[in-house]
Amino acid sequence: MSTKLYPIYQLGNSRTRVFLPDFWMKLVKSKRDQPKHIVTFHVHHKMSRLDVKNYLEKIYGMSVGNVHCHIKEGEMKKHPLYGHVVEKEDPVKIAHVHLVCFYCL
């Protein structure tokens, strides 16, 4: 889904337009040992499970089995001397993607 509005196409206007999604995904290393067919991503907070699955299938051509999402709350940073909370990090949405691997069967 792109929120950018472009002018209506007119004959003779040969500009190439590229529509990019407003969402982002970041591949991260999991803190636990996981099987090779499970991949962990930090994703945009408005992405649903279906959005993650479609994003990987349509843009990258990957075959996705299941997607599990959860939100990890940000850590609270405390003042080094007084111990009260100074700031809190933003929450992060984490998606665990189970890829379909035919060689595992």
Protein backbone atom coordinates (compact mmCIF):
# COMPACT_ATOMS: atom_id res chain seq x y z
CA MET A 1 0.00 0.00 0.00
CA SER A 2 1.45 3.33 -1.01
CA THR A 3 0.12 6.65 0.22
CA LYS A 4 1.76 8.73 -2.48
CA LEU A 5 -0.59 10.24 -5.04
CA TYR A 6 0.58 10.57 -8.60
CA PRO A 7 -1.02 12.56 -11.42
CA ILE A 8 -3.32 10.72 -13.82
CA TYR A 9 -1.53 9.03 -16.72
CA GLN A 10 -1.69 11.01 -19.95
CA LEU A 11 -0.80 9.71 -23.39
CA GLY A 12 2.77 10.64 -24.29
CA ASN A 13 3.87 10.93 -20.66
CA SER A 14 6.46 8.17 -20.49
CA ARG A 15 7.75 8.64 -16.94
CA THR A 16 8.34 5.35 -15.18
CA ARG A 17 6.73 5.23 -11.77
CA VAL A 18 7.80 2.82 -9.05
CA PHE A 19 5.37 2.13 -6.23
CA LEU A 20 7.10 1.15 -3.01
CA PRO A 21 5.28 0.02 0.13
CA ASP A 22 5.13 2.26 3.20
CA PHE A 23 6.11 -0.67 5.42
CA TRP A 24 9.58 -1.85 6.32
CA MET A 25 11.07 -5.11 7.59
CA LYS A 26 14.46 -5.68 9.19
CA LEU A 27 16.06 -9.12 9.40
CA VAL A 28 17.54 -9.71 12.86
CA LYS A 29 19.39 -12.57 14.51
CA SER A 30 17.28 -14.45 17.03
CA LYS A 31 18.52 -14.54 20.62
CA ARG A 32 17.65 -18.24 20.90
CA ASP A 33 18.77 -21.15 18.78
CA GLN A 34 16.06 -21.80 16.19
CA PRO A 35 15.68 -24.20 13.27
CA LYS A 36 16.98 -22.94 9.94
CA HIS A 37 13.50 -22.48 8.46
CA ILE A 38 12.42 -19.94 11.14
CA VAL A 39 13.48 -16.33 10.51
CA THR A 40 13.03 -13.32 12.81
CA PHE A 41 12.17 -9.80 11.60
CA HIS A 42 11.56 -6.43 13.22
CA VAL A 43 8.57 -5.05 11.30
CA HIS A 44 6.58 -1.83 11.02
CA HIS A 45 4.11 -1.56 13.89
CA LYS A 46 1.06 -1.37 11.59
CA MET A 47 1.87 -4.59 9.70
CA SER A 48 -0.37 -7.57 10.33
CA ARG A 49 0.50 -11.25 9.86
CA LEU A 50 -1.08 -11.22 6.42
CA ASP A 51 0.90 -8.09 5.46
CA VAL A 52 4.17 -9.77 6.46
CA LYS A 53 3.30 -12.91 4.50
CA ASN A 54 2.27 -10.98 1.37
CA TYR A 55 5.32 -8.71 1.62
CA LEU A 56 7.72 -11.67 1.57
CA GLU A 57 5.80 -13.64 -1.07
CA LYS A 58 5.12 -10.81 -3.54
CA ILE A 59 8.32 -8.78 -3.29
CA TYR A 60 10.94 -11.45 -2.56
CA GLY A 61 9.22 -14.57 -3.93
CA MET A 62 9.66 -16.56 -0.70
CA SER A 63 7.22 -19.32 0.25
CA VAL A 64 5.93 -18.61 3.77
CA GLY A 65 4.16 -21.16 5.97
CA ASN A 66 3.19 -19.35 9.21
CA VAL A 67 3.82 -15.94 10.73
CA HIS A 68 3.77 -15.26 14.48
CA CYS A 69 3.87 -11.63 15.66
CA HIS A 70 4.26 -10.05 19.07
CA ILE A 71 5.20 -6.65 20.46
CA LYS A 72 8.25 -6.31 22.68
CA GLU A 73 8.09 -3.37 25.05
CA GLY A 74 11.06 -1.01 25.09
CA GLU A 75 13.55 -1.10 27.93
CA MET A 76 13.56 1.63 30.55
CA LYS A 77 16.83 3.48 31.00
CA LYS A 78 17.54 4.60 34.55
CA HIS A 79 19.62 7.47 35.82
CA PRO A 80 23.06 6.15 36.88
CA LEU A 81 23.10 7.98 40.24
CA TYR A 82 19.50 8.41 41.35
CA GLY A 83 17.92 5.30 39.86
CA HIS A 84 14.73 6.87 38.51
CA VAL A 85 13.57 6.24 34.93
CA VAL A 86 15.00 8.80 32.51
CA GLU A 87 13.65 7.52 29.21
CA LYS A 88 11.93 4.51 27.66
CA GLU A 89 12.76 2.98 24.30
CA ASP A 90 10.03 2.56 21.71
CA PRO A 91 8.26 -0.82 21.50
CA VAL A 92 9.26 -3.13 18.63
CA LYS A 93 7.00 -5.50 16.71
CA ILE A 94 8.70 -8.85 16.12
CA ALA A 95 7.60 -11.36 13.48
CA HIS A 96 8.77 -14.98 13.50
CA VAL A 97 8.35 -16.36 9.97
CA HIS A 98 8.22 -20.11 9.29
CA LEU A 99 9.50 -20.69 5.76
CA VAL A 100 8.32 -23.65 3.71
CA CYS A 101 11.34 -25.87 3.08
CA PHE A 102 10.73 -28.91 0.95
CA TYR A 103 14.09 -30.51 1.73
CA CYS A 104 13.18 -30.74 5.47
CA LEU A 105 10.39 -33.27 4.87
